[in-house]
Amino acid sequence: MDYLKHKESLIVFTHRSKELLLDLNGSLAWKIDPERVRKCKYIVCARNTNHGLAELDAPHSSAFLIGKVSGISPALNLPRDNDRWMVKFDEYAELNIPNAWDGQRWPVKYYETETLLNKFDIDSESLDWNKVPDQDLSYIYKYFEDENEYLDRKEGKASGRPPIPYSSAHLVEPSYDDDPACHGPPDNYGVDALTISQAKAGLSLHYDIPEENIEITLKG
């Protein structure tokens, strides 16, 4: 599908702190269509406080940061995230928008850019935009080491597995064409029934069209 540059933007539901996102110069680790996302204009980050490693620097579901998408790269926490991507941004602004995440179970959602800005009442021209700092790889990999230890314990594996250092990692862009998980959320979102909003979210991800262009008619 041929995506128009800046026609769309996305919002993600993340547990990672603003400090880490700025040190990363991006948000990860997402299963996405990179060709679609690299054409997006903005990424909005909403806080997920339900994760065991969640930062409590913003209320649950609130949008706390917006970035200007500058590119896509493979996620850095290898090999755990070797089939996932980082959405990079080179400028950011802080936000404080309550209840920005609508409860969708899949943590990535696309909007037409104008729709996103209007929905969250964001005036991009009046935001206090800042350049991202240089990447702090020592901080990033200490975070990933702690994250891997937590996840390994949760999964019943031996703890303390460090990530592969970025400088020595053999970065290969993950394949997404053959990975069904990259085209949308799990079947039925892991539940027995779907709401209309959940169905629209899944159809949007599968067919790569904005949710507002999807109409669902129920006939009893």
N, C-alpha and C. Protein backbone atom coordinates (compact mmCIF):
# COMPACT_ATOMS: atom_id res chain seq x y z
N MET A 1 0.85 -1.20 0.00
CA MET A 1 0.00 0.00 0.00
C MET A 1 0.88 1.24 0.00
N ASP A 2 0.51 2.25 -0.81
CA ASP A 2 1.29 3.47 -0.91
C ASP A 2 0.77 4.48 0.11
N TYR A 3 1.56 4.76 1.14
CA TYR A 3 1.13 5.67 2.20
C TYR A 3 1.58 7.10 1.87
N LEU A 4 0.71 8.06 2.17
CA LEU A 4 1.03 9.46 1.94
C LEU A 4 1.80 10.00 3.14
N LYS A 5 2.87 10.70 2.87
CA LYS A 5 3.70 11.24 3.94
C LYS A 5 2.92 12.22 4.80
N HIS A 6 2.96 12.00 6.10
CA HIS A 6 2.36 12.85 7.13
C HIS A 6 0.84 12.82 7.15
N LYS A 7 0.21 12.01 6.32
CA LYS A 7 -1.26 11.92 6.36
C LYS A 7 -1.72 11.32 7.68
N GLU A 8 -0.94 10.37 8.20
CA GLU A 8 -1.31 9.71 9.44
C GLU A 8 -0.33 10.03 10.56
N SER A 9 -0.79 9.83 11.79
CA SER A 9 0.05 9.85 12.99
C SER A 9 -0.39 8.67 13.84
N LEU A 10 0.36 8.40 14.90
CA LEU A 10 0.00 7.26 15.74
C LEU A 10 0.13 7.61 17.21
N ILE A 11 -0.60 6.85 18.02
CA ILE A 11 -0.50 6.95 19.46
C ILE A 11 -0.15 5.56 19.98
N VAL A 12 0.75 5.50 20.96
CA VAL A 12 1.17 4.22 21.54
C VAL A 12 0.93 4.24 23.04
N PHE A 13 0.73 3.05 23.59
CA PHE A 13 0.42 2.86 25.00
C PHE A 13 1.64 2.24 25.65
N THR A 14 2.43 3.03 26.37
CA THR A 14 3.75 2.59 26.81
C THR A 14 3.93 2.74 28.31
N HIS A 15 4.71 1.81 28.89
CA HIS A 15 5.05 1.91 30.31
C HIS A 15 6.36 2.64 30.52
N ARG A 16 7.09 2.90 29.44
CA ARG A 16 8.45 3.45 29.57
C ARG A 16 8.42 4.95 29.87
N SER A 17 9.40 5.38 30.64
CA SER A 17 9.42 6.74 31.16
C SER A 17 9.79 7.76 30.08
N LYS A 18 9.45 9.00 30.34
CA LYS A 18 9.85 10.07 29.44
C LYS A 18 11.37 10.14 29.35
N GLU A 19 12.06 9.95 30.48
CA GLU A 19 13.52 10.00 30.49
C GLU A 19 14.11 8.96 29.53
N LEU A 20 13.57 7.73 29.58
CA LEU A 20 14.10 6.69 28.69
C LEU A 20 13.78 7.00 27.24
N LEU A 21 12.56 7.45 26.96
CA LEU A 21 12.19 7.76 25.57
C LEU A 21 13.10 8.84 24.99
N LEU A 22 13.44 9.83 25.79
CA LEU A 22 14.33 10.89 25.29
C LEU A 22 15.74 10.37 25.10
N ASP A 23 16.21 9.51 26.00
CA ASP A 23 17.54 8.92 25.82
C ASP A 23 17.58 8.00 24.60
N LEU A 24 16.47 7.33 24.33
CA LEU A 24 16.37 6.47 23.15
C LEU A 24 16.26 7.29 21.87
N ASN A 25 15.74 8.53 21.98
CA ASN A 25 15.33 9.31 20.81
C ASN A 25 14.21 8.60 20.07
N GLY A 26 13.34 7.90 20.83
CA GLY A 26 12.26 7.18 20.18
C GLY A 26 11.47 6.35 21.17
N SER A 27 10.51 5.58 20.64
CA SER A 27 9.65 4.72 21.44
C SER A 27 9.70 3.31 20.86
N LEU A 28 9.84 2.31 21.75
CA LEU A 28 9.91 0.91 21.32
C LEU A 28 9.23 0.05 22.37
N ALA A 29 9.05 -1.23 22.13
CA ALA A 29 9.42 -2.03 20.96
C ALA A 29 8.09 -2.50 20.35
N TRP A 30 7.81 -2.05 19.14
CA TRP A 30 6.49 -2.23 18.57
C TRP A 30 6.51 -3.16 17.37
N LYS A 31 5.43 -3.94 17.24
CA LYS A 31 5.20 -4.73 16.02
C LYS A 31 4.34 -3.88 15.10
N ILE A 32 4.97 -3.33 14.09
CA ILE A 32 4.32 -2.36 13.21
C ILE A 32 4.75 -2.61 11.78
N ASP A 33 4.02 -2.00 10.86
CA ASP A 33 4.43 -1.97 9.46
C ASP A 33 5.36 -0.76 9.31
N PRO A 34 6.66 -0.97 9.14
CA PRO A 34 7.58 0.17 9.11
C PRO A 34 7.32 1.13 7.96
N GLU A 35 6.86 0.62 6.84
CA GLU A 35 6.59 1.51 5.71
C GLU A 35 5.45 2.47 6.03
N ARG A 36 4.50 2.01 6.81
CA ARG A 36 3.39 2.88 7.21
C ARG A 36 3.85 3.91 8.23
N VAL A 37 4.61 3.46 9.23
CA VAL A 37 4.97 4.34 10.34
C VAL A 37 6.00 5.38 9.93
N ARG A 38 6.94 5.03 9.05
CA ARG A 38 7.96 6.02 8.66
C ARG A 38 7.35 7.18 7.87
N LYS A 39 6.11 7.02 7.39
CA LYS A 39 5.41 8.12 6.72
C LYS A 39 4.57 8.95 7.69
N CYS A 40 4.45 8.48 8.95
CA CYS A 40 3.64 9.21 9.93
C CYS A 40 4.31 10.54 10.31
N LYS A 41 3.50 11.48 10.76
CA LYS A 41 4.02 12.79 11.14
C LYS A 41 4.37 12.86 12.63
N TYR A 42 3.45 12.41 13.48
CA TYR A 42 3.67 12.49 14.92
C TYR A 42 3.48 11.13 15.57
N ILE A 43 4.16 10.95 16.71
CA ILE A 43 3.87 9.85 17.62
C ILE A 43 3.50 10.46 18.97
N VAL A 44 2.37 10.04 19.51
CA VAL A 44 1.92 10.46 20.83
C VAL A 44 2.08 9.28 21.78
N CYS A 45 2.67 9.52 22.94
CA CYS A 45 2.90 8.46 23.92
C CYS A 45 1.92 8.64 25.08
N ALA A 46 1.16 7.57 25.36
CA ALA A 46 0.22 7.56 26.48
C ALA A 46 0.73 6.57 27.52
N ARG A 47 0.51 6.88 28.79
CA ARG A 47 1.07 6.10 29.88
C ARG A 47 0.26 4.86 30.22
N ASN A 48 0.96 3.72 30.28
CA ASN A 48 0.40 2.46 30.77
C ASN A 48 1.01 2.18 32.14
N THR A 49 0.26 2.41 33.20
CA THR A 49 0.78 2.18 34.55
C THR A 49 0.50 0.76 35.05
N ASN A 50 -0.13 -0.08 34.21
CA ASN A 50 -0.45 -1.44 34.64
C ASN A 50 0.73 -2.40 34.50
N HIS A 51 1.74 -2.01 33.76
CA HIS A 51 2.91 -2.85 33.57
C HIS A 51 3.75 -2.88 34.85
N GLY A 52 4.39 -4.01 35.11
CA GLY A 52 5.18 -4.16 36.32
C GLY A 52 6.37 -3.23 36.40
N LEU A 53 6.85 -2.71 35.27
CA LEU A 53 7.98 -1.77 35.24
C LEU A 53 7.53 -0.34 34.95
N ALA A 54 6.24 -0.09 35.06
CA ALA A 54 5.71 1.22 34.67
C ALA A 54 6.25 2.34 35.55
N GLU A 55 6.54 3.45 34.91
CA GLU A 55 6.84 4.68 35.63
C GLU A 55 5.52 5.36 36.00
N LEU A 56 5.51 6.01 37.15
CA LEU A 56 4.31 6.70 37.61
C LEU A 56 4.46 8.20 37.43
N ASP A 57 5.13 8.58 36.34
CA ASP A 57 5.36 10.00 36.09
C ASP A 57 4.19 10.68 35.40
N ALA A 58 3.15 9.90 35.06
CA ALA A 58 1.96 10.46 34.43
C ALA A 58 0.79 9.55 34.77
N PRO A 59 -0.42 10.08 34.86
CA PRO A 59 -1.59 9.25 35.18
C PRO A 59 -1.85 8.20 34.10
N HIS A 60 -2.44 7.11 34.51
CA HIS A 60 -2.76 6.03 33.58
C HIS A 60 -3.63 6.55 32.43
N SER A 61 -3.27 6.15 31.23
CA SER A 61 -3.99 6.47 29.98
C SER A 61 -3.77 7.90 29.50
N SER A 62 -3.05 8.70 30.25
CA SER A 62 -2.85 10.09 29.82
C SER A 62 -1.72 10.18 28.80
N ALA A 63 -1.86 11.11 27.86
CA ALA A 63 -0.79 11.38 26.90
C ALA A 63 0.19 12.36 27.53
N PHE A 64 1.48 11.99 27.51
CA PHE A 64 2.47 12.81 28.20
C PHE A 64 3.57 13.34 27.29
N LEU A 65 3.60 12.88 26.03
CA LEU A 65 4.68 13.31 25.14
C LEU A 65 4.24 13.14 23.69
N ILE A 66 4.68 14.07 22.85
CA ILE A 66 4.47 13.97 21.40
C ILE A 66 5.82 14.18 20.73
N GLY A 67 6.10 13.39 19.71
CA GLY A 67 7.36 13.52 18.98
C GLY A 67 7.11 13.63 17.49
N LYS A 68 8.04 14.30 16.80
CA LYS A 68 7.99 14.38 15.34
C LYS A 68 8.74 13.18 14.78
N VAL A 69 8.01 12.28 14.11
CA VAL A 69 8.61 11.04 13.63
C VAL A 69 9.72 11.36 12.64
N SER A 70 10.90 10.80 12.89
CA SER A 70 12.06 11.05 12.03
C SER A 70 12.56 9.79 11.34
N GLY A 71 12.01 8.64 11.71
CA GLY A 71 12.45 7.41 11.07
C GLY A 71 12.07 6.19 11.87
N ILE A 72 12.53 5.04 11.38
CA ILE A 72 12.26 3.75 11.99
C ILE A 72 13.59 3.00 12.08
N SER A 73 13.78 2.27 13.18
CA SER A 73 14.97 1.42 13.27
C SER A 73 14.60 0.16 14.05
N PRO A 74 15.39 -0.92 13.89
CA PRO A 74 15.13 -2.10 14.70
C PRO A 74 15.23 -1.76 16.18
N ALA A 75 14.40 -2.42 17.00
CA ALA A 75 14.45 -2.21 18.44
C ALA A 75 15.83 -2.62 18.97
N LEU A 76 16.22 -2.04 20.11
CA LEU A 76 17.59 -2.18 20.60
C LEU A 76 17.80 -3.31 21.59
N ASN A 77 16.74 -3.79 22.24
CA ASN A 77 16.91 -4.81 23.27
C ASN A 77 16.95 -6.19 22.61
N LEU A 78 18.12 -6.53 22.10
CA LEU A 78 18.29 -7.77 21.36
C LEU A 78 18.87 -8.85 22.28
N PRO A 79 18.48 -10.12 22.11
CA PRO A 79 17.61 -10.63 21.05
C PRO A 79 16.13 -10.62 21.39
N ARG A 80 15.77 -10.16 22.60
CA ARG A 80 14.36 -10.23 23.01
C ARG A 80 13.44 -9.54 22.01
N ASP A 81 13.84 -8.40 21.50
CA ASP A 81 12.97 -7.61 20.63
C ASP A 81 13.42 -7.64 19.17
N ASN A 82 14.00 -8.77 18.74
CA ASN A 82 14.56 -8.78 17.39
C ASN A 82 13.53 -8.83 16.28
N ASP A 83 12.24 -8.88 16.62
CA ASP A 83 11.20 -8.81 15.60
C ASP A 83 10.35 -7.55 15.77
N ARG A 84 10.93 -6.56 16.47
CA ARG A 84 10.17 -5.34 16.76
C ARG A 84 10.94 -4.10 16.32
N TRP A 85 10.27 -2.96 16.36
CA TRP A 85 10.80 -1.72 15.80
C TRP A 85 10.77 -0.59 16.82
N MET A 86 11.64 0.38 16.61
CA MET A 86 11.62 1.63 17.36
C MET A 86 11.17 2.75 16.43
N VAL A 87 10.23 3.55 16.90
CA VAL A 87 9.79 4.74 16.17
C VAL A 87 10.63 5.90 16.68
N LYS A 88 11.46 6.45 15.81
CA LYS A 88 12.39 7.50 16.22
C LYS A 88 11.75 8.88 16.05
N PHE A 89 12.14 9.80 16.93
CA PHE A 89 11.72 11.20 16.76
C PHE A 89 12.90 12.10 17.10
N ASP A 90 12.97 13.25 16.43
CA ASP A 90 14.09 14.17 16.65
C ASP A 90 13.70 15.43 17.41
N GLU A 91 12.40 15.68 17.53
CA GLU A 91 11.89 16.78 18.35
C GLU A 91 10.72 16.26 19.16
N TYR A 92 10.53 16.84 20.33
CA TYR A 92 9.44 16.40 21.20
C TYR A 92 8.87 17.59 21.96
N ALA A 93 7.66 17.38 22.47
CA ALA A 93 7.03 18.35 23.36
C ALA A 93 6.27 17.56 24.42
N GLU A 94 6.18 18.12 25.60
CA GLU A 94 5.45 17.47 26.68
C GLU A 94 3.97 17.76 26.55
N LEU A 95 3.16 16.77 26.92
CA LEU A 95 1.71 16.89 26.91
C LEU A 95 1.16 16.53 28.29
N ASN A 96 -0.07 16.91 28.52
CA ASN A 96 -0.78 16.50 29.74
C ASN A 96 -2.26 16.38 29.38
N ILE A 97 -2.58 15.25 28.72
CA ILE A 97 -3.94 15.05 28.21
C ILE A 97 -4.53 13.83 28.90
N PRO A 98 -5.48 14.02 29.81
CA PRO A 98 -6.07 12.88 30.53
C PRO A 98 -6.84 11.95 29.58
N ASN A 99 -6.83 10.66 29.90
CA ASN A 99 -7.67 9.67 29.22
C ASN A 99 -7.49 9.67 27.71
N ALA A 100 -6.25 9.86 27.27
CA ALA A 100 -6.01 9.88 25.83
C ALA A 100 -6.08 8.47 25.23
N TRP A 101 -5.71 7.45 26.02
CA TRP A 101 -5.80 6.08 25.52
C TRP A 101 -7.19 5.54 25.78
N ASP A 102 -7.81 4.97 24.73
CA ASP A 102 -9.23 4.62 24.82
C ASP A 102 -9.49 3.21 25.33
N GLY A 103 -8.47 2.51 25.79
CA GLY A 103 -8.68 1.17 26.33
C GLY A 103 -8.46 0.06 25.32
N GLN A 104 -8.15 0.39 24.08
CA GLN A 104 -7.86 -0.64 23.07
C GLN A 104 -6.74 -1.55 23.57
N ARG A 105 -6.89 -2.85 23.35
CA ARG A 105 -5.92 -3.81 23.89
C ARG A 105 -4.63 -3.82 23.09
N TRP A 106 -4.68 -3.59 21.80
CA TRP A 106 -3.46 -3.52 20.99
C TRP A 106 -2.83 -2.15 21.21
N PRO A 107 -1.53 -2.07 21.55
CA PRO A 107 -0.96 -0.81 22.06
C PRO A 107 -0.52 0.21 21.01
N VAL A 108 -0.95 0.04 19.78
CA VAL A 108 -0.63 1.00 18.72
C VAL A 108 -1.90 1.34 17.99
N LYS A 109 -2.13 2.64 17.77
CA LYS A 109 -3.35 3.06 17.09
C LYS A 109 -3.03 4.20 16.14
N TYR A 110 -3.59 4.13 14.94
CA TYR A 110 -3.35 5.14 13.92
C TYR A 110 -4.55 6.08 13.79
N TYR A 111 -4.23 7.34 13.50
CA TYR A 111 -5.24 8.33 13.18
C TYR A 111 -4.75 9.14 11.98
N GLU A 112 -5.68 9.68 11.22
CA GLU A 112 -5.27 10.73 10.31
C GLU A 112 -4.75 11.88 11.18
N THR A 113 -3.68 12.52 10.74
CA THR A 113 -3.01 13.51 11.58
C THR A 113 -3.96 14.61 12.04
N GLU A 114 -4.76 15.12 11.13
CA GLU A 114 -5.69 16.20 11.50
C GLU A 114 -6.69 15.71 12.54
N THR A 115 -7.14 14.48 12.39
CA THR A 115 -8.08 13.91 13.35
C THR A 115 -7.45 13.78 14.73
N LEU A 116 -6.20 13.30 14.77
CA LEU A 116 -5.51 13.15 16.05
C LEU A 116 -5.36 14.50 16.76
N LEU A 117 -4.91 15.50 16.01
CA LEU A 117 -4.71 16.82 16.63
C LEU A 117 -6.03 17.39 17.14
N ASN A 118 -7.09 17.23 16.36
CA ASN A 118 -8.39 17.74 16.79
C ASN A 118 -8.95 16.95 17.97
N LYS A 119 -8.78 15.63 17.93
CA LYS A 119 -9.33 14.77 18.98
C LYS A 119 -8.75 15.13 20.35
N PHE A 120 -7.46 15.41 20.38
CA PHE A 120 -6.79 15.69 21.65
C PHE A 120 -6.53 17.19 21.86
N ASP A 121 -7.13 18.00 21.00
CA ASP A 121 -7.02 19.46 21.13
C ASP A 121 -5.56 19.90 21.22
N ILE A 122 -4.75 19.41 20.27
CA ILE A 122 -3.33 19.73 20.22
C ILE A 122 -3.09 20.77 19.15
N ASP A 123 -2.55 21.92 19.54
CA ASP A 123 -2.14 22.95 18.59
C ASP A 123 -0.63 22.80 18.40
N SER A 124 -0.25 22.11 17.34
CA SER A 124 1.16 21.78 17.15
C SER A 124 2.04 23.01 17.01
N GLU A 125 1.47 24.11 16.53
CA GLU A 125 2.26 25.34 16.34
C GLU A 125 2.60 26.01 17.66
N SER A 126 1.79 25.79 18.68
CA SER A 126 2.01 26.48 19.95
C SER A 126 2.75 25.62 20.98
N LEU A 127 3.07 24.37 20.62
CA LEU A 127 3.78 23.51 21.55
C LEU A 127 5.22 23.97 21.73
N ASP A 128 5.78 23.65 22.89
CA ASP A 128 7.18 23.99 23.19
C ASP A 128 8.07 22.83 22.71
N TRP A 129 8.45 22.88 21.45
CA TRP A 129 9.24 21.80 20.85
C TRP A 129 10.70 21.90 21.29
N ASN A 130 11.29 20.74 21.57
CA ASN A 130 12.70 20.66 21.96
C ASN A 130 13.40 19.59 21.14
N LYS A 131 14.68 19.79 20.90
CA LYS A 131 15.50 18.77 20.26
C LYS A 131 15.78 17.65 21.27
N VAL A 132 15.79 16.41 20.79
CA VAL A 132 16.12 15.30 21.69
C VAL A 132 17.61 15.36 22.03
N PRO A 133 18.00 14.87 23.21
CA PRO A 133 19.42 14.85 23.57
C PRO A 133 20.15 13.73 22.83
N ASP A 134 21.45 13.70 22.95
CA ASP A 134 22.22 12.58 22.41
C ASP A 134 21.85 11.30 23.15
N GLN A 135 21.87 10.18 22.43
CA GLN A 135 21.57 8.90 23.07
C GLN A 135 22.57 8.60 24.18
N ASP A 136 22.04 8.17 25.33
CA ASP A 136 22.88 7.75 26.46
C ASP A 136 22.84 6.22 26.50
N LEU A 137 23.74 5.57 25.76
CA LEU A 137 23.69 4.12 25.62
C LEU A 137 23.95 3.39 26.93
N SER A 138 24.76 3.96 27.80
CA SER A 138 25.01 3.30 29.08
C SER A 138 23.73 3.24 29.92
N TYR A 139 22.97 4.32 29.93
CA TYR A 139 21.70 4.32 30.65
C TYR A 139 20.71 3.37 29.99
N ILE A 140 20.65 3.40 28.65
CA ILE A 140 19.70 2.57 27.92
C ILE A 140 19.94 1.09 28.20
N TYR A 141 21.21 0.66 28.15
CA TYR A 141 21.47 -0.77 28.33
C TYR A 141 21.40 -1.22 29.77
N LYS A 142 21.61 -0.31 30.71
CA LYS A 142 21.34 -0.64 32.11
C LYS A 142 19.83 -0.85 32.30
N TYR A 143 19.03 -0.02 31.65
CA TYR A 143 17.58 -0.20 31.73
C TYR A 143 17.18 -1.55 31.14
N PHE A 144 17.70 -1.89 29.96
CA PHE A 144 17.34 -3.15 29.32
C PHE A 144 17.78 -4.35 30.16
N GLU A 145 18.93 -4.24 30.82
CA GLU A 145 19.38 -5.34 31.68
C GLU A 145 18.40 -5.55 32.82
N ASP A 146 17.95 -4.46 33.43
CA ASP A 146 16.96 -4.57 34.51
C ASP A 146 15.63 -5.10 33.97
N GLU A 147 15.25 -4.64 32.78
CA GLU A 147 14.00 -5.09 32.19
C GLU A 147 14.06 -6.58 31.87
N ASN A 148 15.17 -7.04 31.31
CA ASN A 148 15.30 -8.46 31.00
C ASN A 148 15.27 -9.33 32.26
N GLU A 149 15.90 -8.82 33.32
CA GLU A 149 15.88 -9.57 34.58
C GLU A 149 14.44 -9.71 35.08
N TYR A 150 13.68 -8.61 35.03
CA TYR A 150 12.28 -8.65 35.48
C TYR A 150 11.47 -9.61 34.61
N LEU A 151 11.61 -9.51 33.29
CA LEU A 151 10.82 -10.34 32.38
C LEU A 151 11.22 -11.81 32.46
N ASP A 152 12.52 -12.07 32.62
CA ASP A 152 12.96 -13.45 32.76
C ASP A 152 12.39 -14.09 34.02
N ARG A 153 12.39 -13.34 35.12
CA ARG A 153 11.78 -13.86 36.35
C ARG A 153 10.30 -14.13 36.15
N LYS A 154 9.63 -13.22 35.48
CA LYS A 154 8.19 -13.37 35.25
C LYS A 154 7.91 -14.58 34.38
N GLU A 155 8.82 -14.86 33.44
CA GLU A 155 8.65 -15.99 32.53
C GLU A 155 9.26 -17.28 33.07
N GLY A 156 9.82 -17.22 34.31
CA GLY A 156 10.39 -18.40 34.92
C GLY A 156 11.73 -18.79 34.37
N LYS A 157 12.45 -17.85 33.77
CA LYS A 157 13.76 -18.13 33.21
C LYS A 157 14.84 -17.65 34.17
N ALA A 158 16.08 -18.06 33.90
CA ALA A 158 17.20 -17.55 34.69
C ALA A 158 17.29 -16.06 34.53
N SER A 159 17.54 -15.34 35.60
CA SER A 159 17.51 -13.88 35.58
C SER A 159 18.87 -13.30 35.22
N GLY A 160 18.86 -12.03 34.90
CA GLY A 160 20.09 -11.28 34.71
C GLY A 160 20.67 -11.35 33.32
N ARG A 161 19.90 -11.80 32.29
CA ARG A 161 20.45 -11.89 30.94
C ARG A 161 20.61 -10.50 30.35
N PRO A 162 21.84 -10.10 30.06
CA PRO A 162 22.02 -8.75 29.52
C PRO A 162 21.66 -8.71 28.05
N PRO A 163 21.28 -7.53 27.55
CA PRO A 163 21.06 -7.37 26.11
C PRO A 163 22.39 -7.39 25.38
N ILE A 164 22.35 -7.67 24.08
CA ILE A 164 23.55 -7.58 23.26
C ILE A 164 23.93 -6.12 23.13
N PRO A 165 25.18 -5.74 23.41
CA PRO A 165 25.58 -4.33 23.28
C PRO A 165 25.31 -3.82 21.87
N TYR A 166 24.83 -2.60 21.82
CA TYR A 166 24.45 -1.99 20.53
C TYR A 166 25.62 -1.99 19.56
N SER A 167 26.83 -1.73 20.06
CA SER A 167 27.99 -1.59 19.19
C SER A 167 28.36 -2.90 18.52
N SER A 168 28.02 -4.05 19.16
CA SER A 168 28.39 -5.33 18.59
C SER A 168 27.20 -6.11 18.05
N ALA A 169 26.02 -5.52 18.14
CA ALA A 169 24.83 -6.21 17.66
C ALA A 169 24.82 -6.26 16.14
N HIS A 170 24.39 -7.40 15.61
CA HIS A 170 24.22 -7.51 14.16
C HIS A 170 22.78 -7.14 13.85
N LEU A 171 22.56 -5.87 13.53
CA LEU A 171 21.21 -5.37 13.35
C LEU A 171 20.70 -5.74 11.96
N VAL A 172 19.65 -6.51 11.96
CA VAL A 172 18.98 -6.88 10.72
C VAL A 172 17.54 -6.44 10.84
N GLU A 173 17.06 -5.72 9.85
CA GLU A 173 15.70 -5.24 9.93
C GLU A 173 14.76 -6.43 10.02
N PRO A 174 13.88 -6.45 11.04
CA PRO A 174 12.99 -7.58 11.20
C PRO A 174 12.02 -7.69 10.04
N SER A 175 11.75 -8.93 9.67
CA SER A 175 10.77 -9.16 8.61
C SER A 175 9.38 -8.99 9.19
N TYR A 176 8.51 -8.32 8.47
CA TYR A 176 7.14 -8.18 8.95
C TYR A 176 6.13 -8.77 7.98
N ASP A 177 6.52 -8.97 6.72
CA ASP A 177 5.57 -9.49 5.74
C ASP A 177 5.05 -10.87 6.11
N ASP A 178 5.94 -11.73 6.69
CA ASP A 178 5.55 -13.09 6.99
C ASP A 178 5.15 -13.29 8.44
N ASP A 179 5.08 -12.23 9.20
CA ASP A 179 4.76 -12.33 10.61
C ASP A 179 3.35 -11.80 10.84
N PRO A 180 2.35 -12.69 11.03
CA PRO A 180 0.97 -12.21 11.19
C PRO A 180 0.81 -11.23 12.33
N ALA A 181 1.66 -11.33 13.36
CA ALA A 181 1.52 -10.44 14.52
C ALA A 181 1.76 -9.00 14.14
N CYS A 182 2.50 -8.75 13.05
CA CYS A 182 2.82 -7.39 12.67
C CYS A 182 1.66 -6.71 11.94
N HIS A 183 0.69 -7.49 11.52
CA HIS A 183 -0.42 -6.91 10.76
C HIS A 183 -1.62 -6.60 11.63
N GLY A 184 -1.57 -6.94 12.90
CA GLY A 184 -2.69 -6.64 13.76
C GLY A 184 -2.61 -7.41 15.05
N PRO A 185 -3.56 -7.17 15.96
CA PRO A 185 -3.55 -7.82 17.25
C PRO A 185 -3.94 -9.29 17.15
N PRO A 186 -3.75 -10.04 18.23
CA PRO A 186 -4.14 -11.45 18.22
C PRO A 186 -5.61 -11.62 17.92
N ASP A 187 -5.99 -12.82 17.45
CA ASP A 187 -7.39 -13.07 17.11
C ASP A 187 -8.30 -12.72 18.27
N ASN A 188 -9.34 -11.95 17.95
CA ASN A 188 -10.36 -11.56 18.93
C ASN A 188 -9.80 -10.84 20.15
N TYR A 189 -8.57 -10.30 20.02
CA TYR A 189 -7.96 -9.56 21.13
C TYR A 189 -7.85 -10.42 22.38
N GLY A 190 -7.87 -11.74 22.24
CA GLY A 190 -7.72 -12.62 23.39
C GLY A 190 -8.99 -12.79 24.20
N VAL A 191 -10.14 -12.32 23.67
CA VAL A 191 -11.40 -12.46 24.39
C VAL A 191 -12.40 -13.14 23.47
N ASP A 192 -13.57 -13.47 24.04
CA ASP A 192 -14.56 -14.23 23.29
C ASP A 192 -15.41 -13.37 22.37
N ALA A 193 -15.46 -12.07 22.62
CA ALA A 193 -16.30 -11.19 21.81
C ALA A 193 -15.61 -9.85 21.64
N LEU A 194 -16.04 -9.11 20.62
CA LEU A 194 -15.44 -7.81 20.34
C LEU A 194 -16.48 -6.71 20.44
N THR A 195 -16.08 -5.56 20.94
CA THR A 195 -16.89 -4.37 20.83
C THR A 195 -16.67 -3.78 19.44
N ILE A 196 -17.51 -2.83 19.05
CA ILE A 196 -17.35 -2.19 17.75
C ILE A 196 -16.02 -1.46 17.68
N SER A 197 -15.61 -0.79 18.76
CA SER A 197 -14.34 -0.06 18.74
C SER A 197 -13.16 -1.02 18.59
N GLN A 198 -13.23 -2.19 19.24
CA GLN A 198 -12.17 -3.18 19.09
C GLN A 198 -12.12 -3.72 17.67
N ALA A 199 -13.31 -3.98 17.09
CA ALA A 199 -13.36 -4.49 15.72
C ALA A 199 -12.78 -3.48 14.75
N LYS A 200 -13.11 -2.20 14.93
CA LYS A 200 -12.57 -1.16 14.05
C LYS A 200 -11.05 -1.07 14.19
N ALA A 201 -10.56 -1.20 15.42
CA ALA A 201 -9.12 -1.13 15.64
C ALA A 201 -8.41 -2.26 14.90
N GLY A 202 -8.95 -3.47 15.02
CA GLY A 202 -8.34 -4.59 14.33
C GLY A 202 -8.40 -4.46 12.82
N LEU A 203 -9.54 -4.01 12.29
CA LEU A 203 -9.67 -3.83 10.84
C LEU A 203 -8.73 -2.74 10.34
N SER A 204 -8.56 -1.68 11.14
CA SER A 204 -7.64 -0.60 10.76
C SER A 204 -6.23 -1.12 10.62
N LEU A 205 -5.80 -1.94 11.59
CA LEU A 205 -4.45 -2.49 11.55
C LEU A 205 -4.28 -3.48 10.40
N HIS A 206 -5.31 -4.31 10.16
CA HIS A 206 -5.19 -5.35 9.14
C HIS A 206 -5.20 -4.77 7.73
N TYR A 207 -6.10 -3.79 7.48
CA TYR A 207 -6.25 -3.27 6.13
C TYR A 207 -5.53 -1.94 5.91
N ASP A 208 -4.87 -1.43 6.98
CA ASP A 208 -4.10 -0.20 6.86
C ASP A 208 -4.95 0.99 6.41
N ILE A 209 -6.10 1.15 7.05
CA ILE A 209 -6.93 2.32 6.79
C ILE A 209 -7.33 2.91 8.13
N PRO A 210 -7.55 4.23 8.19
CA PRO A 210 -7.90 4.87 9.46
C PRO A 210 -9.23 4.35 10.01
N GLU A 211 -9.34 4.28 11.33
CA GLU A 211 -10.57 3.78 11.95
C GLU A 211 -11.79 4.61 11.57
N GLU A 212 -11.58 5.93 11.41
CA GLU A 212 -12.73 6.78 11.11
C GLU A 212 -13.31 6.51 9.73
N ASN A 213 -12.60 5.76 8.89
CA ASN A 213 -13.11 5.40 7.57
C ASN A 213 -13.79 4.04 7.54
N ILE A 214 -13.93 3.43 8.71
CA ILE A 214 -14.54 2.10 8.81
C ILE A 214 -15.95 2.25 9.40
N GLU A 215 -16.92 1.69 8.72
CA GLU A 215 -18.30 1.67 9.21
C GLU A 215 -18.73 0.23 9.42
N ILE A 216 -19.33 -0.05 10.57
CA ILE A 216 -19.81 -1.38 10.89
C ILE A 216 -21.31 -1.31 11.12
N THR A 217 -22.06 -2.15 10.42
CA THR A 217 -23.51 -2.19 10.55
C THR A 217 -23.92 -3.49 11.20
N LEU A 218 -24.69 -3.38 12.26
CA LEU A 218 -25.21 -4.57 12.97
C LEU A 218 -26.66 -4.78 12.58
N LYS A 219 -27.00 -6.03 12.23
CA LYS A 219 -28.38 -6.38 11.90
C LYS A 219 -28.82 -7.50 12.81
N GLY A 220 -29.89 -7.26 13.56
CA GLY A 220 -30.36 -8.27 14.50
C GLY A 220 -31.27 -9.30 13.83
